[in-house]
N, C-alpha and C. Protein backbone atom coordinates (compact mmCIF):
# COMPACT_ATOMS: atom_id res chain seq x y z
N MET A 1 -149.35 159.45 194.15
CA MET A 1 -149.06 160.84 194.39
C MET A 1 -148.16 160.96 195.60
N ALA A 2 -147.21 161.85 195.54
CA ALA A 2 -146.29 162.04 196.65
C ALA A 2 -147.00 162.71 197.81
N THR A 3 -146.81 162.16 199.01
CA THR A 3 -147.38 162.78 200.20
C THR A 3 -146.37 163.73 200.82
N GLY A 4 -145.13 163.62 200.42
CA GLY A 4 -144.10 164.53 200.90
C GLY A 4 -142.90 164.40 199.97
N ASP A 5 -142.22 165.52 199.71
CA ASP A 5 -141.08 165.46 198.81
C ASP A 5 -140.08 166.50 199.26
N ASP A 6 -138.84 166.11 199.40
CA ASP A 6 -137.78 167.02 199.78
C ASP A 6 -136.63 166.81 198.81
N ALA A 7 -136.62 167.59 197.73
CA ALA A 7 -135.62 167.40 196.68
C ALA A 7 -134.21 167.65 197.19
N ALA A 8 -134.05 168.51 198.17
CA ALA A 8 -132.72 168.79 198.70
C ALA A 8 -132.09 167.54 199.30
N ARG A 9 -132.90 166.72 199.93
CA ARG A 9 -132.39 165.48 200.52
C ARG A 9 -132.62 164.29 199.60
N GLY A 10 -133.33 164.50 198.51
CA GLY A 10 -133.56 163.41 197.57
C GLY A 10 -134.52 162.37 198.07
N THR A 11 -135.57 162.80 198.78
CA THR A 11 -136.53 161.86 199.36
C THR A 11 -137.94 162.18 198.90
N ALA A 12 -138.69 161.12 198.60
CA ALA A 12 -140.12 161.25 198.29
C ALA A 12 -140.85 160.15 199.04
N VAL A 13 -142.04 160.46 199.54
CA VAL A 13 -142.90 159.45 200.16
C VAL A 13 -144.14 159.32 199.29
N LEU A 14 -144.35 158.10 198.78
CA LEU A 14 -145.47 157.84 197.89
C LEU A 14 -146.48 156.92 198.56
N ALA A 15 -147.75 157.24 198.40
CA ALA A 15 -148.82 156.39 198.92
C ALA A 15 -148.99 155.19 197.99
N ILE A 16 -149.31 154.04 198.59
CA ILE A 16 -149.60 152.83 197.82
C ILE A 16 -151.00 152.37 198.24
N GLY A 17 -151.99 152.70 197.41
CA GLY A 17 -153.37 152.34 197.73
C GLY A 17 -154.13 151.76 196.56
N SER A 18 -153.46 151.69 195.39
CA SER A 18 -154.11 151.17 194.19
C SER A 18 -153.05 150.66 193.22
N SER A 19 -153.50 149.95 192.20
CA SER A 19 -152.57 149.47 191.16
C SER A 19 -151.89 150.63 190.44
N ASP A 20 -152.59 151.75 190.28
CA ASP A 20 -151.98 152.92 189.66
C ASP A 20 -150.80 153.42 190.49
N ASP A 21 -150.90 153.31 191.82
CA ASP A 21 -149.81 153.73 192.69
C ASP A 21 -148.59 152.83 192.51
N VAL A 22 -148.81 151.55 192.26
CA VAL A 22 -147.70 150.62 192.01
C VAL A 22 -146.94 151.07 190.76
N VAL A 23 -147.66 151.50 189.73
CA VAL A 23 -147.05 152.01 188.50
C VAL A 23 -146.23 153.26 188.81
N ARG A 24 -146.79 154.17 189.63
CA ARG A 24 -146.07 155.39 189.99
C ARG A 24 -144.79 155.08 190.77
N VAL A 25 -144.85 154.08 191.64
CA VAL A 25 -143.66 153.68 192.39
C VAL A 25 -142.58 153.21 191.42
N ARG A 26 -142.97 152.37 190.48
CA ARG A 26 -142.00 151.87 189.48
C ARG A 26 -141.35 153.04 188.72
N GLN A 27 -142.17 154.01 188.32
CA GLN A 27 -141.66 155.16 187.55
C GLN A 27 -140.69 156.00 188.39
N GLU A 28 -141.05 156.24 189.64
CA GLU A 28 -140.19 157.04 190.52
C GLU A 28 -138.87 156.32 190.79
N VAL A 29 -138.94 155.03 191.04
CA VAL A 29 -137.73 154.25 191.31
C VAL A 29 -136.83 154.22 190.07
N ARG A 30 -137.40 154.01 188.90
CA ARG A 30 -136.61 154.01 187.66
C ARG A 30 -135.91 155.36 187.50
N SER A 31 -136.64 156.45 187.71
CA SER A 31 -136.06 157.79 187.59
C SER A 31 -134.90 157.99 188.56
N ARG A 32 -135.09 157.55 189.80
CA ARG A 32 -134.02 157.68 190.81
C ARG A 32 -132.82 156.82 190.47
N ALA A 33 -133.06 155.61 189.94
CA ALA A 33 -131.97 154.71 189.59
C ALA A 33 -131.14 155.29 188.44
N VAL A 34 -131.81 155.88 187.46
CA VAL A 34 -131.11 156.52 186.35
C VAL A 34 -130.28 157.69 186.87
N ALA A 35 -130.88 158.52 187.72
CA ALA A 35 -130.18 159.68 188.28
C ALA A 35 -128.97 159.27 189.12
N ALA A 36 -129.05 158.12 189.76
CA ALA A 36 -127.93 157.63 190.57
C ALA A 36 -126.83 157.02 189.72
N GLY A 37 -127.09 156.85 188.43
CA GLY A 37 -126.09 156.31 187.52
C GLY A 37 -126.04 154.80 187.48
N LEU A 38 -127.09 154.14 187.97
CA LEU A 38 -127.14 152.68 187.91
C LEU A 38 -127.26 152.24 186.45
N GLY A 39 -126.58 151.17 186.10
CA GLY A 39 -126.68 150.61 184.76
C GLY A 39 -128.04 149.96 184.55
N ILE A 40 -128.33 149.59 183.33
CA ILE A 40 -129.65 149.06 182.98
C ILE A 40 -129.99 147.80 183.76
N VAL A 41 -129.01 146.93 184.01
CA VAL A 41 -129.29 145.71 184.77
C VAL A 41 -129.66 146.06 186.21
N ASP A 42 -128.90 146.95 186.84
CA ASP A 42 -129.21 147.34 188.21
C ASP A 42 -130.51 148.13 188.29
N GLN A 43 -130.80 148.94 187.28
CA GLN A 43 -132.09 149.65 187.22
C GLN A 43 -133.22 148.63 187.22
N THR A 44 -133.09 147.63 186.37
CA THR A 44 -134.14 146.62 186.24
C THR A 44 -134.31 145.86 187.55
N LYS A 45 -133.22 145.54 188.21
CA LYS A 45 -133.30 144.82 189.49
C LYS A 45 -134.04 145.63 190.54
N ILE A 46 -133.70 146.89 190.71
CA ILE A 46 -134.34 147.69 191.77
C ILE A 46 -135.80 147.99 191.42
N VAL A 47 -136.09 148.21 190.15
CA VAL A 47 -137.49 148.46 189.73
C VAL A 47 -138.33 147.20 189.92
N THR A 48 -137.79 146.04 189.59
CA THR A 48 -138.51 144.78 189.76
C THR A 48 -138.78 144.52 191.24
N ALA A 49 -137.76 144.70 192.07
CA ALA A 49 -137.94 144.52 193.52
C ALA A 49 -138.98 145.50 194.05
N ALA A 50 -138.91 146.74 193.61
CA ALA A 50 -139.87 147.76 194.06
C ALA A 50 -141.29 147.39 193.66
N SER A 51 -141.45 146.89 192.45
CA SER A 51 -142.77 146.49 191.97
C SER A 51 -143.35 145.36 192.83
N GLU A 52 -142.52 144.36 193.12
CA GLU A 52 -142.97 143.24 193.95
C GLU A 52 -143.35 143.70 195.36
N LEU A 53 -142.52 144.54 195.94
CA LEU A 53 -142.78 144.99 197.31
C LEU A 53 -143.97 145.94 197.37
N ALA A 54 -144.13 146.78 196.35
CA ALA A 54 -145.29 147.67 196.31
C ALA A 54 -146.58 146.86 196.20
N ARG A 55 -146.53 145.82 195.36
CA ARG A 55 -147.70 144.95 195.20
C ARG A 55 -148.01 144.21 196.51
N ASN A 56 -146.96 143.74 197.20
CA ASN A 56 -147.17 143.11 198.51
C ASN A 56 -147.78 144.08 199.50
N THR A 57 -147.29 145.33 199.49
CA THR A 57 -147.82 146.36 200.38
C THR A 57 -149.30 146.56 200.13
N LEU A 58 -149.68 146.59 198.87
CA LEU A 58 -151.07 146.79 198.48
C LEU A 58 -151.94 145.58 198.81
N ILE A 59 -151.51 144.41 198.35
CA ILE A 59 -152.35 143.21 198.44
C ILE A 59 -152.38 142.63 199.86
N HIS A 60 -151.21 142.43 200.45
CA HIS A 60 -151.14 141.77 201.75
C HIS A 60 -151.21 142.74 202.92
N GLY A 61 -150.74 143.98 202.70
CA GLY A 61 -150.73 144.97 203.78
C GLY A 61 -151.91 145.91 203.76
N GLY A 62 -152.75 145.80 202.72
CA GLY A 62 -153.91 146.68 202.63
C GLY A 62 -153.57 148.10 202.24
N GLY A 63 -152.37 148.31 201.71
CA GLY A 63 -151.90 149.64 201.32
C GLY A 63 -150.90 150.16 202.33
N GLY A 64 -150.23 151.22 201.95
CA GLY A 64 -149.22 151.81 202.82
C GLY A 64 -148.45 152.88 202.09
N THR A 65 -147.15 152.96 202.37
CA THR A 65 -146.31 153.98 201.76
C THR A 65 -144.96 153.38 201.38
N VAL A 66 -144.26 154.09 200.51
CA VAL A 66 -142.85 153.81 200.24
C VAL A 66 -142.09 155.12 200.32
N ARG A 67 -140.99 155.09 201.03
CA ARG A 67 -140.07 156.23 201.09
C ARG A 67 -138.96 155.92 200.09
N VAL A 68 -138.80 156.78 199.09
CA VAL A 68 -137.80 156.61 198.04
C VAL A 68 -136.70 157.64 198.29
N GLU A 69 -135.47 157.13 198.48
CA GLU A 69 -134.36 158.02 198.80
C GLU A 69 -133.22 157.84 197.80
N SER A 70 -132.69 158.96 197.34
CA SER A 70 -131.44 158.96 196.60
C SER A 70 -130.36 159.06 197.66
N VAL A 71 -129.45 158.07 197.69
CA VAL A 71 -128.47 158.00 198.77
C VAL A 71 -127.05 157.95 198.22
N SER A 72 -126.10 158.33 199.07
CA SER A 72 -124.70 158.24 198.70
C SER A 72 -123.87 157.91 199.93
N GLN A 73 -122.80 157.19 199.71
CA GLN A 73 -121.80 156.86 200.73
C GLN A 73 -120.46 157.08 200.07
N GLY A 74 -119.80 158.17 200.41
CA GLY A 74 -118.55 158.50 199.72
C GLY A 74 -118.83 158.69 198.24
N VAL A 75 -118.16 157.90 197.40
CA VAL A 75 -118.36 158.02 195.95
C VAL A 75 -119.50 157.13 195.45
N ARG A 76 -119.99 156.26 196.33
CA ARG A 76 -121.08 155.34 195.95
C ARG A 76 -122.42 156.07 195.93
N ARG A 77 -123.23 155.79 194.91
CA ARG A 77 -124.57 156.36 194.83
C ARG A 77 -125.57 155.24 194.64
N GLY A 78 -126.78 155.47 195.13
CA GLY A 78 -127.79 154.43 194.99
C GLY A 78 -129.18 154.92 195.32
N VAL A 79 -130.07 153.94 195.48
CA VAL A 79 -131.47 154.20 195.79
C VAL A 79 -131.85 153.30 196.95
N ARG A 80 -132.49 153.88 197.97
CA ARG A 80 -133.00 153.11 199.12
C ARG A 80 -134.51 153.29 199.17
N LEU A 81 -135.21 152.18 199.39
CA LEU A 81 -136.67 152.17 199.44
C LEU A 81 -137.12 151.57 200.76
N THR A 82 -138.07 152.22 201.41
CA THR A 82 -138.64 151.68 202.65
C THR A 82 -140.15 151.60 202.48
N PHE A 83 -140.64 150.37 202.43
CA PHE A 83 -142.07 150.09 202.28
C PHE A 83 -142.65 149.85 203.67
N GLU A 84 -143.79 150.49 203.98
CA GLU A 84 -144.44 150.28 205.27
C GLU A 84 -145.93 150.10 205.09
N ASP A 85 -146.49 149.16 205.84
CA ASP A 85 -147.94 148.99 205.88
C ASP A 85 -148.35 148.70 207.32
N HIS A 86 -149.63 148.76 207.56
CA HIS A 86 -150.19 148.47 208.89
C HIS A 86 -151.12 147.27 208.80
N GLY A 87 -150.75 146.34 207.92
CA GLY A 87 -151.55 145.14 207.70
C GLY A 87 -151.37 144.11 208.80
N PRO A 88 -151.71 142.87 208.50
CA PRO A 88 -151.69 141.82 209.52
C PRO A 88 -150.30 141.38 209.96
N GLY A 89 -149.25 141.77 209.22
CA GLY A 89 -147.90 141.35 209.57
C GLY A 89 -147.60 139.95 209.07
N ILE A 90 -146.35 139.55 209.23
CA ILE A 90 -145.88 138.25 208.75
C ILE A 90 -145.51 137.41 209.96
N PRO A 91 -146.21 136.30 210.20
CA PRO A 91 -145.92 135.50 211.40
C PRO A 91 -144.57 134.79 211.36
N ASP A 92 -144.11 134.36 210.17
CA ASP A 92 -142.85 133.63 210.06
C ASP A 92 -142.07 134.19 208.87
N ILE A 93 -141.18 135.13 209.15
CA ILE A 93 -140.43 135.81 208.09
C ILE A 93 -139.56 134.83 207.32
N ASN A 94 -138.89 133.91 207.99
CA ASN A 94 -138.04 132.94 207.28
C ASN A 94 -138.84 132.12 206.28
N GLN A 95 -140.02 131.69 206.67
CA GLN A 95 -140.88 130.92 205.76
C GLN A 95 -141.33 131.80 204.60
N ALA A 96 -141.68 133.06 204.89
CA ALA A 96 -142.15 133.97 203.85
C ALA A 96 -141.07 134.28 202.82
N LEU A 97 -139.81 134.18 203.20
CA LEU A 97 -138.70 134.44 202.29
C LEU A 97 -138.37 133.25 201.38
N LYS A 98 -138.93 132.09 201.70
CA LYS A 98 -138.66 130.89 200.89
C LYS A 98 -139.43 130.94 199.57
N ASP A 99 -138.73 130.61 198.50
CA ASP A 99 -139.39 130.55 197.19
C ASP A 99 -140.52 129.54 197.23
N GLY A 100 -141.65 129.91 196.67
CA GLY A 100 -142.80 129.02 196.60
C GLY A 100 -143.80 129.25 197.71
N PHE A 101 -143.40 129.97 198.79
CA PHE A 101 -144.34 130.23 199.87
C PHE A 101 -145.21 131.41 199.47
N THR A 102 -146.52 131.25 199.58
CA THR A 102 -147.43 132.33 199.27
C THR A 102 -148.67 132.24 200.15
N THR A 103 -149.19 133.41 200.50
CA THR A 103 -150.47 133.45 201.21
C THR A 103 -151.56 133.92 200.26
N GLY A 104 -151.16 134.21 199.02
CA GLY A 104 -152.11 134.64 198.00
C GLY A 104 -152.08 133.68 196.84
N GLY A 105 -152.40 134.18 195.67
CA GLY A 105 -152.45 133.31 194.50
C GLY A 105 -151.22 133.39 193.63
N GLY A 106 -150.15 134.06 194.13
CA GLY A 106 -148.96 134.24 193.31
C GLY A 106 -148.04 133.03 193.33
N LEU A 107 -146.85 133.22 192.75
CA LEU A 107 -145.87 132.15 192.66
C LEU A 107 -145.03 132.03 193.93
N GLY A 108 -145.12 132.99 194.83
CA GLY A 108 -144.33 132.93 196.05
C GLY A 108 -142.86 133.26 195.81
N LEU A 109 -142.59 134.16 194.87
CA LEU A 109 -141.21 134.56 194.58
C LEU A 109 -140.93 136.01 194.95
N GLY A 110 -141.95 136.77 195.31
CA GLY A 110 -141.83 138.21 195.51
C GLY A 110 -140.87 138.63 196.61
N LEU A 111 -141.06 138.16 197.82
CA LEU A 111 -140.25 138.62 198.94
C LEU A 111 -138.81 138.13 198.83
N GLY A 112 -138.63 136.82 198.60
CA GLY A 112 -137.28 136.28 198.44
C GLY A 112 -136.59 136.82 197.20
N GLY A 113 -137.35 136.97 196.13
CA GLY A 113 -136.81 137.54 194.90
C GLY A 113 -136.36 138.96 195.10
N SER A 114 -137.14 139.74 195.83
CA SER A 114 -136.77 141.13 196.11
C SER A 114 -135.47 141.19 196.90
N LYS A 115 -135.31 140.25 197.81
CA LYS A 115 -134.07 140.19 198.60
C LYS A 115 -132.88 139.91 197.68
N ARG A 116 -133.03 138.96 196.77
CA ARG A 116 -131.94 138.62 195.85
C ARG A 116 -131.61 139.76 194.88
N LEU A 117 -132.58 140.57 194.55
CA LEU A 117 -132.38 141.67 193.60
C LEU A 117 -131.77 142.92 194.23
N SER A 118 -131.60 142.90 195.55
CA SER A 118 -131.13 144.07 196.28
C SER A 118 -129.73 143.85 196.84
N ASN A 119 -128.99 144.94 197.01
CA ASN A 119 -127.69 144.87 197.68
C ASN A 119 -127.88 144.85 199.19
N GLU A 120 -128.95 145.49 199.65
CA GLU A 120 -129.28 145.51 201.08
C GLU A 120 -130.75 145.14 201.22
N PHE A 121 -131.08 144.40 202.26
CA PHE A 121 -132.46 143.97 202.49
C PHE A 121 -132.66 143.84 204.00
N GLU A 122 -133.71 144.47 204.49
CA GLU A 122 -134.06 144.36 205.91
C GLU A 122 -135.57 144.30 206.02
N ILE A 123 -136.06 143.40 206.87
CA ILE A 123 -137.50 143.28 207.05
C ILE A 123 -137.81 143.24 208.54
N ASP A 124 -138.87 143.95 208.90
CA ASP A 124 -139.35 143.98 210.28
C ASP A 124 -140.86 143.79 210.23
N SER A 125 -141.34 142.72 210.84
CA SER A 125 -142.76 142.43 210.80
C SER A 125 -143.13 141.51 211.95
N ALA A 126 -144.36 141.64 212.38
CA ALA A 126 -144.91 140.74 213.39
C ALA A 126 -146.42 140.78 213.26
N PRO A 127 -147.09 139.68 213.62
CA PRO A 127 -148.54 139.66 213.53
C PRO A 127 -149.17 140.83 214.29
N GLY A 128 -150.13 141.49 213.62
CA GLY A 128 -150.84 142.61 214.22
C GLY A 128 -150.09 143.92 214.23
N ARG A 129 -148.87 143.94 213.67
CA ARG A 129 -148.03 145.14 213.74
C ARG A 129 -147.66 145.70 212.38
N GLY A 130 -148.03 145.02 211.32
CA GLY A 130 -147.67 145.49 209.99
C GLY A 130 -146.27 145.06 209.61
N THR A 131 -145.80 145.61 208.49
CA THR A 131 -144.52 145.19 207.92
C THR A 131 -143.76 146.40 207.41
N ARG A 132 -142.44 146.39 207.64
CA ARG A 132 -141.55 147.39 207.03
C ARG A 132 -140.41 146.64 206.35
N VAL A 133 -140.22 146.91 205.06
CA VAL A 133 -139.14 146.31 204.28
C VAL A 133 -138.31 147.45 203.71
N THR A 134 -136.99 147.38 203.95
CA THR A 134 -136.06 148.37 203.40
C THR A 134 -135.08 147.65 202.49
N ILE A 135 -134.94 148.18 201.28
CA ILE A 135 -133.98 147.63 200.32
C ILE A 135 -133.13 148.77 199.77
N ALA A 136 -131.97 148.42 199.24
CA ALA A 136 -131.13 149.41 198.55
C ALA A 136 -130.39 148.73 197.41
N ARG A 137 -130.12 149.52 196.40
CA ARG A 137 -129.30 149.07 195.27
C ARG A 137 -128.26 150.15 195.05
N TRP A 138 -127.00 149.73 194.94
CA TRP A 138 -125.87 150.65 194.82
C TRP A 138 -125.19 150.51 193.47
N LYS A 139 -124.64 151.61 193.01
CA LYS A 139 -123.86 151.62 191.78
C LYS A 139 -122.48 151.08 192.10
């Protein structure tokens, strides 16, 4: 469920506290990607990255939020997502971005894969401070 929505600026903030919320994030991101005019391949990339990051926010961060923005730069249109949690943080970001690294039972492809699926990727995290990941996909 959206905790805040400003259609004029094209921004929604969604809570991530359950698996159902991960589904809602995917739906919102797909809708924004279509509205931005992204092709099916780019839609799939941003939705897949969003799904992985939402799941990370839930599982590793104990829940949090995602800010979903419809963005434009001149004639370029896209979608920017900012995931935030107040979990334990990531002690070694470079290691966490390597394929195969996992602190859970997954394949260890989520964080690095999300980076590869995005045109822009930024991560800020430290132990005891939580994690913020911002990604964008442009048309």
